[in-house]
Amino acid sequence: MPVDIIKRLATNDENNVELRLIIQNAAVLKGRRISGMLFLNDKELALISRKLHNTNISLIILCTCKKRHLVMVYRATELKEYLKNTEVSEYLREFGYRRDDFISNLIRLHQRMNSFYNKVKEFPHEVGIFLGYPICDIKGFLENKGERYLHSGYWKIYGNLEETKQKFLSYDEAREIAIDEFLAGNRLENIAC
């Protein structure tokens, strides 16, 4: 993307936050990923919430620190279905999550993320499940302490290398499409399909 376009967009707060959301979560907006995260302040959160209100995209604050919110941007229907997967739900039960109780699981994730950011507990790596990371990659990360991975991209890959690299390419393609749509003047609510 040309630097002059980025500078022009960055001068407008509304465009700046929309562009950040698109760059960081285009795969979610375009339906290629179930969820993602980004930090937003109060004003940005209100703006993004309003713009995504009539879309299939939901937001939840995972924690608040230093006047910024860590927000998960997600597709509720798809995430709900993913969390019902037997392997996924069994893994989450190890961390106190309930099977088939979507809302309480979001609340539990919020509590665990908040505890980490308030320096009470260690990082809840199961957040990767909510972000759609394969369990083998979450377990591989923990077992290898973040080392000896096969490839690093949107996350560190420990298994299913080629399949996951294809996902990464799909996410990159979604970002290009979404940025092009934004630069063509499409509104955020229309970019989110």
N, C-alpha and C. Protein backbone atom coordinates (compact mmCIF):
# COMPACT_ATOMS: atom_id res chain seq x y z
N MET A 1 0.85 -1.16 0.00
CA MET A 1 0.00 0.00 0.00
C MET A 1 0.90 1.24 0.00
N PRO A 2 0.64 2.19 -0.87
CA PRO A 2 1.48 3.39 -0.95
C PRO A 2 1.45 4.18 0.36
N VAL A 3 2.61 4.72 0.73
CA VAL A 3 2.77 5.45 1.98
C VAL A 3 1.85 6.67 2.04
N ASP A 4 1.66 7.38 0.93
CA ASP A 4 0.82 8.57 0.95
C ASP A 4 -0.63 8.23 1.29
N ILE A 5 -1.11 7.06 0.87
CA ILE A 5 -2.48 6.64 1.20
C ILE A 5 -2.57 6.34 2.69
N ILE A 6 -1.58 5.66 3.22
CA ILE A 6 -1.58 5.33 4.64
C ILE A 6 -1.55 6.61 5.47
N LYS A 7 -0.72 7.58 5.09
CA LYS A 7 -0.64 8.84 5.83
C LYS A 7 -1.98 9.57 5.79
N ARG A 8 -2.61 9.60 4.61
CA ARG A 8 -3.91 10.27 4.47
C ARG A 8 -4.95 9.60 5.35
N LEU A 9 -4.97 8.28 5.35
CA LEU A 9 -5.94 7.55 6.16
C LEU A 9 -5.68 7.73 7.65
N ALA A 10 -4.42 7.77 8.02
CA ALA A 10 -4.06 7.86 9.44
C ALA A 10 -4.42 9.20 10.05
N THR A 11 -4.65 10.23 9.25
CA THR A 11 -5.01 11.53 9.78
C THR A 11 -6.45 11.58 10.25
N ASN A 12 -7.26 10.65 9.84
CA ASN A 12 -8.66 10.59 10.23
C ASN A 12 -8.81 9.45 11.24
N ASP A 13 -9.21 9.79 12.49
CA ASP A 13 -9.31 8.78 13.54
C ASP A 13 -10.22 7.62 13.15
N GLU A 14 -11.36 7.94 12.52
CA GLU A 14 -12.30 6.89 12.14
C GLU A 14 -11.67 5.94 11.13
N ASN A 15 -11.04 6.51 10.11
CA ASN A 15 -10.38 5.67 9.11
C ASN A 15 -9.24 4.88 9.71
N ASN A 16 -8.50 5.50 10.63
CA ASN A 16 -7.36 4.85 11.25
C ASN A 16 -7.77 3.57 11.98
N VAL A 17 -8.80 3.64 12.82
CA VAL A 17 -9.22 2.47 13.57
C VAL A 17 -9.85 1.43 12.64
N GLU A 18 -10.59 1.86 11.64
CA GLU A 18 -11.16 0.90 10.69
C GLU A 18 -10.06 0.19 9.92
N LEU A 19 -9.06 0.92 9.50
CA LEU A 19 -7.95 0.31 8.76
C LEU A 19 -7.17 -0.65 9.65
N ARG A 20 -6.96 -0.29 10.92
CA ARG A 20 -6.29 -1.21 11.85
C ARG A 20 -7.08 -2.50 12.01
N LEU A 21 -8.40 -2.36 12.18
CA LEU A 21 -9.26 -3.53 12.30
C LEU A 21 -9.15 -4.40 11.04
N ILE A 22 -9.18 -3.77 9.89
CA ILE A 22 -9.11 -4.51 8.63
C ILE A 22 -7.76 -5.21 8.49
N ILE A 23 -6.68 -4.50 8.76
CA ILE A 23 -5.35 -5.10 8.62
C ILE A 23 -5.18 -6.29 9.57
N GLN A 24 -5.64 -6.13 10.80
CA GLN A 24 -5.43 -7.18 11.80
C GLN A 24 -6.47 -8.29 11.76
N ASN A 25 -7.66 -8.02 11.23
CA ASN A 25 -8.75 -9.00 11.31
C ASN A 25 -9.53 -9.17 10.01
N ALA A 26 -8.89 -8.92 8.89
CA ALA A 26 -9.58 -9.07 7.60
C ALA A 26 -10.10 -10.49 7.40
N ALA A 27 -9.34 -11.49 7.84
CA ALA A 27 -9.78 -12.88 7.65
C ALA A 27 -11.08 -13.15 8.41
N VAL A 28 -11.28 -12.49 9.53
CA VAL A 28 -12.53 -12.62 10.27
C VAL A 28 -13.64 -11.88 9.51
N LEU A 29 -13.35 -10.66 9.09
CA LEU A 29 -14.34 -9.86 8.38
C LEU A 29 -14.81 -10.55 7.09
N LYS A 30 -13.90 -11.25 6.44
CA LYS A 30 -14.21 -11.90 5.16
C LYS A 30 -14.66 -13.36 5.32
N GLY A 31 -14.83 -13.82 6.56
CA GLY A 31 -15.37 -15.14 6.81
C GLY A 31 -14.40 -16.30 6.64
N ARG A 32 -13.11 -16.01 6.69
CA ARG A 32 -12.11 -17.07 6.52
C ARG A 32 -11.52 -17.54 7.85
N ARG A 33 -11.86 -16.83 8.90
CA ARG A 33 -11.35 -17.17 10.23
C ARG A 33 -12.46 -16.88 11.23
N ILE A 34 -12.51 -17.64 12.32
CA ILE A 34 -13.63 -17.46 13.26
C ILE A 34 -13.44 -16.28 14.20
N SER A 35 -12.19 -15.90 14.46
CA SER A 35 -11.99 -14.78 15.38
C SER A 35 -10.58 -14.23 15.32
N GLY A 36 -10.41 -13.07 15.90
CA GLY A 36 -9.12 -12.41 16.00
C GLY A 36 -9.19 -11.42 17.16
N MET A 37 -8.11 -10.70 17.37
CA MET A 37 -8.08 -9.74 18.48
C MET A 37 -7.41 -8.44 18.05
N LEU A 38 -7.70 -7.39 18.79
CA LEU A 38 -6.98 -6.13 18.66
C LEU A 38 -7.26 -5.27 19.88
N PHE A 39 -6.37 -4.31 20.12
CA PHE A 39 -6.55 -3.37 21.22
C PHE A 39 -7.29 -2.14 20.71
N LEU A 40 -8.27 -1.67 21.50
CA LEU A 40 -9.04 -0.48 21.18
C LEU A 40 -9.24 0.35 22.44
N ASN A 41 -9.23 1.68 22.28
CA ASN A 41 -9.60 2.53 23.41
C ASN A 41 -11.12 2.67 23.43
N ASP A 42 -11.66 3.39 24.40
CA ASP A 42 -13.12 3.52 24.54
C ASP A 42 -13.78 4.08 23.28
N LYS A 43 -13.21 5.15 22.76
CA LYS A 43 -13.79 5.80 21.59
C LYS A 43 -13.76 4.88 20.37
N GLU A 44 -12.64 4.19 20.17
CA GLU A 44 -12.51 3.27 19.04
C GLU A 44 -13.48 2.10 19.18
N LEU A 45 -13.61 1.58 20.39
CA LEU A 45 -14.52 0.46 20.62
C LEU A 45 -15.96 0.86 20.31
N ALA A 46 -16.35 2.04 20.74
CA ALA A 46 -17.72 2.51 20.47
C ALA A 46 -17.95 2.64 18.97
N LEU A 47 -16.97 3.18 18.26
CA LEU A 47 -17.09 3.35 16.81
C LEU A 47 -17.19 2.01 16.09
N ILE A 48 -16.29 1.09 16.42
CA ILE A 48 -16.29 -0.22 15.76
C ILE A 48 -17.56 -0.99 16.10
N SER A 49 -18.00 -0.91 17.35
CA SER A 49 -19.25 -1.58 17.75
C SER A 49 -20.42 -1.09 16.93
N ARG A 50 -20.49 0.22 16.75
CA ARG A 50 -21.57 0.81 15.97
C ARG A 50 -21.51 0.37 14.51
N LYS A 51 -20.33 0.36 13.94
CA LYS A 51 -20.17 0.02 12.52
C LYS A 51 -20.45 -1.45 12.25
N LEU A 52 -20.15 -2.32 13.21
CA LEU A 52 -20.34 -3.76 13.00
C LEU A 52 -21.67 -4.27 13.56
N HIS A 53 -22.48 -3.36 14.08
CA HIS A 53 -23.72 -3.74 14.75
C HIS A 53 -24.63 -4.63 13.89
N ASN A 54 -24.81 -4.33 12.66
CA ASN A 54 -25.72 -5.09 11.79
C ASN A 54 -24.99 -6.08 10.89
N THR A 55 -23.90 -6.64 11.37
CA THR A 55 -23.14 -7.63 10.62
C THR A 55 -23.14 -8.95 11.40
N ASN A 56 -22.46 -9.93 10.86
CA ASN A 56 -22.31 -11.22 11.55
C ASN A 56 -21.09 -11.24 12.47
N ILE A 57 -20.52 -10.08 12.71
CA ILE A 57 -19.32 -9.97 13.53
C ILE A 57 -19.71 -9.47 14.93
N SER A 58 -19.19 -10.14 15.95
CA SER A 58 -19.45 -9.76 17.35
C SER A 58 -18.14 -9.34 18.00
N LEU A 59 -18.27 -8.61 19.10
CA LEU A 59 -17.10 -8.16 19.86
C LEU A 59 -17.29 -8.52 21.32
N ILE A 60 -16.19 -8.87 21.97
CA ILE A 60 -16.20 -9.05 23.42
C ILE A 60 -14.88 -8.51 23.96
N ILE A 61 -14.98 -7.78 25.06
CA ILE A 61 -13.77 -7.28 25.72
C ILE A 61 -13.20 -8.43 26.55
N LEU A 62 -11.97 -8.81 26.24
CA LEU A 62 -11.32 -9.88 27.00
C LEU A 62 -10.66 -9.34 28.25
N CYS A 63 -10.15 -8.12 28.19
CA CYS A 63 -9.58 -7.49 29.38
C CYS A 63 -9.34 -6.01 29.07
N THR A 64 -9.16 -5.27 30.14
CA THR A 64 -8.88 -3.85 30.02
C THR A 64 -7.64 -3.55 30.83
N CYS A 65 -6.69 -2.88 30.19
CA CYS A 65 -5.48 -2.47 30.92
C CYS A 65 -4.96 -1.18 30.29
N LYS A 66 -4.54 -0.28 31.16
CA LYS A 66 -3.98 1.00 30.72
C LYS A 66 -4.89 1.73 29.73
N LYS A 67 -6.18 1.77 30.05
CA LYS A 67 -7.18 2.50 29.26
C LYS A 67 -7.37 1.95 27.85
N ARG A 68 -6.95 0.70 27.65
CA ARG A 68 -7.17 0.04 26.36
C ARG A 68 -7.82 -1.31 26.62
N HIS A 69 -8.66 -1.71 25.68
CA HIS A 69 -9.37 -2.97 25.79
C HIS A 69 -8.78 -3.96 24.79
N LEU A 70 -8.51 -5.17 25.24
CA LEU A 70 -8.18 -6.25 24.32
C LEU A 70 -9.51 -6.85 23.92
N VAL A 71 -9.84 -6.70 22.64
CA VAL A 71 -11.16 -7.08 22.13
C VAL A 71 -11.02 -8.28 21.20
N MET A 72 -11.88 -9.27 21.40
CA MET A 72 -11.95 -10.38 20.46
C MET A 72 -13.06 -10.06 19.47
N VAL A 73 -12.71 -10.12 18.20
CA VAL A 73 -13.62 -9.91 17.09
C VAL A 73 -13.95 -11.31 16.59
N TYR A 74 -15.24 -11.68 16.58
CA TYR A 74 -15.54 -13.08 16.24
C TYR A 74 -16.87 -13.24 15.51
N ARG A 75 -17.00 -14.39 14.88
CA ARG A 75 -18.22 -14.82 14.21
C ARG A 75 -18.89 -15.81 15.15
N ALA A 76 -19.93 -15.36 15.83
CA ALA A 76 -20.54 -16.13 16.91
C ALA A 76 -21.01 -17.51 16.47
N THR A 77 -21.71 -17.61 15.37
CA THR A 77 -22.23 -18.90 14.93
C THR A 77 -21.11 -19.89 14.68
N GLU A 78 -20.07 -19.45 13.96
CA GLU A 78 -18.96 -20.34 13.64
C GLU A 78 -18.15 -20.71 14.89
N LEU A 79 -17.91 -19.73 15.76
CA LEU A 79 -17.15 -20.00 16.98
C LEU A 79 -17.91 -20.97 17.88
N LYS A 80 -19.21 -20.74 18.01
CA LYS A 80 -20.04 -21.63 18.82
C LYS A 80 -19.94 -23.07 18.32
N GLU A 81 -20.02 -23.25 17.01
CA GLU A 81 -19.92 -24.60 16.43
C GLU A 81 -18.53 -25.19 16.66
N TYR A 82 -17.49 -24.39 16.48
CA TYR A 82 -16.13 -24.87 16.66
C TYR A 82 -15.90 -25.35 18.09
N LEU A 83 -16.43 -24.61 19.06
CA LEU A 83 -16.24 -24.97 20.47
C LEU A 83 -17.00 -26.24 20.85
N LYS A 84 -17.96 -26.65 20.04
CA LYS A 84 -18.70 -27.89 20.28
C LYS A 84 -17.93 -29.12 19.84
N ASN A 85 -16.90 -28.94 19.02
CA ASN A 85 -16.08 -30.05 18.57
C ASN A 85 -15.58 -30.81 19.80
N THR A 86 -15.70 -32.13 19.78
CA THR A 86 -15.36 -32.95 20.95
C THR A 86 -13.94 -32.72 21.43
N GLU A 87 -12.97 -32.75 20.52
CA GLU A 87 -11.57 -32.56 20.91
C GLU A 87 -11.36 -31.17 21.52
N VAL A 88 -11.98 -30.17 20.94
CA VAL A 88 -11.86 -28.79 21.42
C VAL A 88 -12.50 -28.65 22.80
N SER A 89 -13.73 -29.12 22.95
CA SER A 89 -14.42 -28.96 24.24
C SER A 89 -13.73 -29.75 25.35
N GLU A 90 -13.21 -30.93 25.02
CA GLU A 90 -12.48 -31.71 26.03
C GLU A 90 -11.21 -30.97 26.47
N TYR A 91 -10.52 -30.37 25.52
CA TYR A 91 -9.31 -29.61 25.86
C TYR A 91 -9.65 -28.42 26.76
N LEU A 92 -10.72 -27.72 26.42
CA LEU A 92 -11.12 -26.55 27.21
C LEU A 92 -11.57 -26.94 28.62
N ARG A 93 -12.13 -28.12 28.77
CA ARG A 93 -12.57 -28.57 30.11
C ARG A 93 -11.40 -28.66 31.07
N GLU A 94 -10.20 -28.92 30.54
CA GLU A 94 -9.01 -28.98 31.39
C GLU A 94 -8.73 -27.64 32.08
N PHE A 95 -9.30 -26.56 31.52
CA PHE A 95 -9.08 -25.21 32.05
C PHE A 95 -10.34 -24.63 32.68
N GLY A 96 -11.31 -25.49 32.96
CA GLY A 96 -12.51 -25.06 33.66
C GLY A 96 -13.63 -24.53 32.79
N TYR A 97 -13.57 -24.76 31.50
CA TYR A 97 -14.65 -24.34 30.60
C TYR A 97 -15.72 -25.41 30.58
N ARG A 98 -16.94 -25.01 30.26
CA ARG A 98 -18.07 -25.93 30.23
C ARG A 98 -18.38 -26.36 28.80
N ARG A 99 -18.79 -27.58 28.67
CA ARG A 99 -19.19 -28.10 27.36
C ARG A 99 -20.56 -27.50 27.00
N ASP A 100 -20.67 -27.02 25.78
CA ASP A 100 -21.95 -26.52 25.24
C ASP A 100 -22.55 -25.33 25.99
N ASP A 101 -21.73 -24.49 26.59
CA ASP A 101 -22.24 -23.28 27.23
C ASP A 101 -21.41 -22.10 26.72
N PHE A 102 -21.75 -21.63 25.55
CA PHE A 102 -20.97 -20.63 24.83
C PHE A 102 -20.75 -19.37 25.65
N ILE A 103 -21.81 -18.81 26.20
CA ILE A 103 -21.70 -17.54 26.94
C ILE A 103 -20.82 -17.71 28.17
N SER A 104 -21.02 -18.77 28.95
CA SER A 104 -20.18 -18.94 30.14
C SER A 104 -18.72 -19.17 29.75
N ASN A 105 -18.48 -19.77 28.59
CA ASN A 105 -17.10 -19.95 28.13
C ASN A 105 -16.46 -18.63 27.75
N LEU A 106 -17.22 -17.73 27.15
CA LEU A 106 -16.69 -16.40 26.86
C LEU A 106 -16.39 -15.64 28.16
N ILE A 107 -17.27 -15.80 29.14
CA ILE A 107 -17.05 -15.16 30.43
C ILE A 107 -15.80 -15.74 31.09
N ARG A 108 -15.63 -17.04 31.03
CA ARG A 108 -14.44 -17.70 31.62
C ARG A 108 -13.17 -17.20 30.93
N LEU A 109 -13.20 -17.10 29.61
CA LEU A 109 -12.03 -16.59 28.89
C LEU A 109 -11.73 -15.16 29.33
N HIS A 110 -12.76 -14.34 29.44
CA HIS A 110 -12.59 -12.96 29.92
C HIS A 110 -11.93 -12.95 31.31
N GLN A 111 -12.40 -13.80 32.21
CA GLN A 111 -11.84 -13.86 33.56
C GLN A 111 -10.37 -14.26 33.52
N ARG A 112 -10.05 -15.26 32.72
CA ARG A 112 -8.67 -15.76 32.67
C ARG A 112 -7.73 -14.74 32.01
N MET A 113 -8.19 -14.06 30.97
CA MET A 113 -7.37 -13.03 30.33
C MET A 113 -7.17 -11.86 31.28
N ASN A 114 -8.24 -11.47 31.98
CA ASN A 114 -8.15 -10.37 32.94
C ASN A 114 -7.17 -10.70 34.05
N SER A 115 -7.21 -11.94 34.54
CA SER A 115 -6.28 -12.36 35.59
C SER A 115 -4.84 -12.26 35.13
N PHE A 116 -4.60 -12.64 33.89
CA PHE A 116 -3.25 -12.54 33.35
C PHE A 116 -2.80 -11.08 33.27
N TYR A 117 -3.62 -10.23 32.66
CA TYR A 117 -3.21 -8.84 32.48
C TYR A 117 -3.14 -8.08 33.80
N ASN A 118 -3.81 -8.58 34.81
CA ASN A 118 -3.69 -7.98 36.15
C ASN A 118 -2.63 -8.68 36.97
N LYS A 119 -1.82 -9.49 36.30
CA LYS A 119 -0.65 -10.16 36.88
C LYS A 119 -0.99 -11.09 38.04
N VAL A 120 -2.17 -11.72 37.96
CA VAL A 120 -2.58 -12.66 38.99
C VAL A 120 -2.26 -14.10 38.58
N LYS A 121 -2.42 -14.40 37.31
CA LYS A 121 -2.23 -15.76 36.79
C LYS A 121 -1.35 -15.74 35.56
N GLU A 122 -0.93 -16.95 35.14
CA GLU A 122 -0.13 -17.06 33.92
C GLU A 122 -1.03 -16.93 32.69
N PHE A 123 -0.40 -16.74 31.53
CA PHE A 123 -1.15 -16.52 30.30
C PHE A 123 -2.02 -17.73 29.98
N PRO A 124 -3.31 -17.48 29.65
CA PRO A 124 -4.22 -18.58 29.31
C PRO A 124 -4.07 -18.98 27.83
N HIS A 125 -3.17 -19.90 27.57
CA HIS A 125 -2.89 -20.28 26.19
C HIS A 125 -4.10 -20.87 25.47
N GLU A 126 -5.11 -21.28 26.21
CA GLU A 126 -6.31 -21.80 25.55
C GLU A 126 -7.03 -20.73 24.74
N VAL A 127 -6.63 -19.47 24.89
CA VAL A 127 -7.21 -18.42 24.04
C VAL A 127 -7.00 -18.78 22.57
N GLY A 128 -5.95 -19.54 22.28
CA GLY A 128 -5.71 -19.99 20.92
C GLY A 128 -6.87 -20.79 20.36
N ILE A 129 -7.55 -21.55 21.21
CA ILE A 129 -8.73 -22.30 20.77
C ILE A 129 -9.79 -21.33 20.26
N PHE A 130 -10.04 -20.29 21.04
CA PHE A 130 -11.05 -19.29 20.67
C PHE A 130 -10.65 -18.54 19.40
N LEU A 131 -9.36 -18.52 19.10
CA LEU A 131 -8.87 -17.87 17.88
C LEU A 131 -8.78 -18.84 16.71
N GLY A 132 -9.18 -20.08 16.94
CA GLY A 132 -9.21 -21.06 15.86
C GLY A 132 -7.89 -21.74 15.58
N TYR A 133 -6.92 -21.63 16.48
CA TYR A 133 -5.65 -22.32 16.29
C TYR A 133 -5.88 -23.82 16.46
N PRO A 134 -5.22 -24.63 15.67
CA PRO A 134 -5.32 -26.07 15.87
C PRO A 134 -4.76 -26.47 17.24
N ILE A 135 -5.39 -27.44 17.86
CA ILE A 135 -4.96 -27.89 19.19
C ILE A 135 -3.51 -28.38 19.15
N CYS A 136 -3.12 -29.04 18.05
CA CYS A 136 -1.74 -29.54 17.98
C CYS A 136 -0.73 -28.39 18.06
N ASP A 137 -1.10 -27.22 17.56
CA ASP A 137 -0.19 -26.08 17.62
C ASP A 137 -0.16 -25.46 19.01
N ILE A 138 -1.29 -25.46 19.70
CA ILE A 138 -1.32 -24.94 21.07
C ILE A 138 -0.50 -25.86 21.98
N LYS A 139 -0.78 -27.16 21.86
CA LYS A 139 -0.03 -28.13 22.68
C LYS A 139 1.45 -28.11 22.33
N GLY A 140 1.76 -28.03 21.04
CA GLY A 140 3.15 -27.99 20.60
C GLY A 140 3.87 -26.78 21.15
N PHE A 141 3.20 -25.64 21.16
CA PHE A 141 3.78 -24.42 21.70
C PHE A 141 4.11 -24.60 23.18
N LEU A 142 3.17 -25.15 23.93
CA LEU A 142 3.37 -25.33 25.37
C LEU A 142 4.45 -26.36 25.66
N GLU A 143 4.42 -27.48 24.94
CA GLU A 143 5.42 -28.54 25.16
C GLU A 143 6.83 -28.10 24.80
N ASN A 144 6.95 -27.26 23.78
CA ASN A 144 8.26 -26.82 23.29
C ASN A 144 8.63 -25.42 23.77
N LYS A 145 7.81 -24.87 24.66
CA LYS A 145 8.06 -23.53 25.22
C LYS A 145 8.28 -22.48 24.12
N GLY A 146 7.49 -22.61 23.05
CA GLY A 146 7.57 -21.65 21.95
C GLY A 146 8.72 -21.86 20.99
N GLU A 147 9.50 -22.90 21.19
CA GLU A 147 10.66 -23.20 20.33
C GLU A 147 10.35 -24.40 19.42
N ARG A 148 11.26 -24.72 18.54
CA ARG A 148 11.22 -25.90 17.67
C ARG A 148 9.93 -26.02 16.84
N TYR A 149 9.42 -24.92 16.39
CA TYR A 149 8.23 -24.93 15.55
C TYR A 149 8.63 -25.15 14.10
N LEU A 150 7.67 -25.59 13.30
CA LEU A 150 7.92 -25.86 11.88
C LEU A 150 7.90 -24.58 11.05
N HIS A 151 7.06 -23.65 11.46
CA HIS A 151 6.89 -22.39 10.72
C HIS A 151 6.18 -21.40 11.63
N SER A 152 6.44 -20.13 11.44
CA SER A 152 5.77 -19.10 12.22
C SER A 152 5.07 -18.13 11.27
N GLY A 153 3.83 -17.84 11.56
CA GLY A 153 3.05 -16.90 10.75
C GLY A 153 2.05 -16.23 11.67
N TYR A 154 0.78 -16.49 11.47
CA TYR A 154 -0.25 -15.94 12.35
C TYR A 154 -0.13 -16.56 13.74
N TRP A 155 0.43 -17.75 13.82
CA TRP A 155 0.81 -18.42 15.05
C TRP A 155 1.93 -19.38 14.71
N LYS A 156 2.51 -20.02 15.70
CA LYS A 156 3.58 -20.98 15.46
C LYS A 156 2.98 -22.34 15.15
N ILE A 157 3.45 -22.94 14.08
CA ILE A 157 2.91 -24.21 13.60
C ILE A 157 3.79 -25.36 14.11
N TYR A 158 3.13 -26.36 14.70
CA TYR A 158 3.82 -27.55 15.20
C TYR A 158 3.34 -28.82 14.50
N GLY A 159 2.26 -28.75 13.76
CA GLY A 159 1.72 -29.90 13.04
C GLY A 159 0.91 -29.42 11.85
N ASN A 160 0.61 -30.30 10.92
CA ASN A 160 -0.20 -29.95 9.75
C ASN A 160 0.34 -28.72 9.02
N LEU A 161 1.63 -28.75 8.75
CA LEU A 161 2.34 -27.60 8.19
C LEU A 161 1.70 -27.07 6.91
N GLU A 162 1.55 -27.91 5.91
CA GLU A 162 1.06 -27.43 4.61
C GLU A 162 -0.37 -26.93 4.68
N GLU A 163 -1.21 -27.63 5.42
CA GLU A 163 -2.61 -27.20 5.57
C GLU A 163 -2.69 -25.84 6.24
N THR A 164 -1.90 -25.65 7.29
CA THR A 164 -1.93 -24.38 8.02
C THR A 164 -1.31 -23.26 7.20
N LYS A 165 -0.25 -23.53 6.46
CA LYS A 165 0.33 -22.50 5.60
C LYS A 165 -0.69 -22.04 4.54
N GLN A 166 -1.53 -22.96 4.07
CA GLN A 166 -2.59 -22.58 3.12
C GLN A 166 -3.60 -21.65 3.79
N LYS A 167 -3.91 -21.93 5.06
CA LYS A 167 -4.80 -21.03 5.80
C LYS A 167 -4.18 -19.64 5.88
N PHE A 168 -2.88 -19.58 6.19
CA PHE A 168 -2.20 -18.29 6.29
C PHE A 168 -2.29 -17.52 4.97
N LEU A 169 -2.11 -18.22 3.86
CA LEU A 169 -2.22 -17.58 2.54
C LEU A 169 -3.64 -17.05 2.32
N SER A 170 -4.62 -17.80 2.76
CA SER A 170 -6.02 -17.37 2.65
C SER A 170 -6.27 -16.12 3.49
N TYR A 171 -5.67 -16.07 4.67
CA TYR A 171 -5.81 -14.89 5.53
C TYR A 171 -5.15 -13.66 4.88
N ASP A 172 -3.98 -13.88 4.28
CA ASP A 172 -3.29 -12.78 3.58
C ASP A 172 -4.14 -12.27 2.42
N GLU A 173 -4.72 -13.19 1.67
CA GLU A 173 -5.58 -12.82 0.53
C GLU A 173 -6.79 -12.03 1.02
N ALA A 174 -7.39 -12.46 2.12
CA ALA A 174 -8.53 -11.73 2.69
C ALA A 174 -8.14 -10.31 3.06
N ARG A 175 -6.94 -10.14 3.61
CA ARG A 175 -6.47 -8.79 3.98
C ARG A 175 -6.34 -7.92 2.74
N GLU A 176 -5.76 -8.45 1.69
CA GLU A 176 -5.62 -7.68 0.45
C GLU A 176 -6.97 -7.28 -0.11
N ILE A 177 -7.91 -8.21 -0.13
CA ILE A 177 -9.25 -7.92 -0.65
C ILE A 177 -9.92 -6.84 0.19
N ALA A 178 -9.87 -7.00 1.52
CA ALA A 178 -10.53 -6.04 2.42
C ALA A 178 -9.91 -4.65 2.32
N ILE A 179 -8.58 -4.58 2.24
CA ILE A 179 -7.92 -3.28 2.11
C ILE A 179 -8.30 -2.63 0.79
N ASP A 180 -8.31 -3.40 -0.29
CA ASP A 180 -8.72 -2.87 -1.59
C ASP A 180 -10.15 -2.33 -1.54
N GLU A 181 -11.03 -3.07 -0.88
CA GLU A 181 -12.42 -2.61 -0.76
C GLU A 181 -12.49 -1.31 0.05
N PHE A 182 -11.73 -1.23 1.11
CA PHE A 182 -11.70 -0.04 1.95
C PHE A 182 -11.18 1.17 1.15
N LEU A 183 -10.09 0.95 0.43
CA LEU A 183 -9.52 2.04 -0.37
C LEU A 183 -10.43 2.46 -1.51
N ALA A 184 -11.28 1.56 -1.95
CA ALA A 184 -12.25 1.88 -3.00
C ALA A 184 -13.46 2.63 -2.45
N GLY A 185 -13.48 2.83 -1.12
CA GLY A 185 -14.55 3.62 -0.52
C GLY A 185 -15.67 2.81 0.12
N ASN A 186 -15.52 1.49 0.17
CA ASN A 186 -16.55 0.67 0.83
C ASN A 186 -16.55 0.91 2.32
N ARG A 187 -17.72 0.87 2.91
CA ARG A 187 -17.86 1.05 4.35
C ARG A 187 -17.52 -0.25 5.06
N LEU A 188 -17.06 -0.14 6.29
CA LEU A 188 -16.65 -1.31 7.06
C LEU A 188 -17.76 -2.35 7.13
N GLU A 189 -18.99 -1.90 7.37
CA GLU A 189 -20.10 -2.83 7.48
C GLU A 189 -20.37 -3.58 6.18
N ASN A 190 -19.93 -3.04 5.05
CA ASN A 190 -20.08 -3.73 3.78
C ASN A 190 -18.88 -4.63 3.49
N ILE A 191 -17.75 -4.33 4.06
CA ILE A 191 -16.55 -5.16 3.89
C ILE A 191 -16.74 -6.46 4.67
N ALA A 192 -17.39 -6.37 5.83
CA ALA A 192 -17.66 -7.56 6.64
C ALA A 192 -18.78 -8.36 5.99
N CYS A 193 -18.43 -9.53 5.48
CA CYS A 193 -19.47 -10.34 4.82
C CYS A 193 -19.77 -11.59 5.59
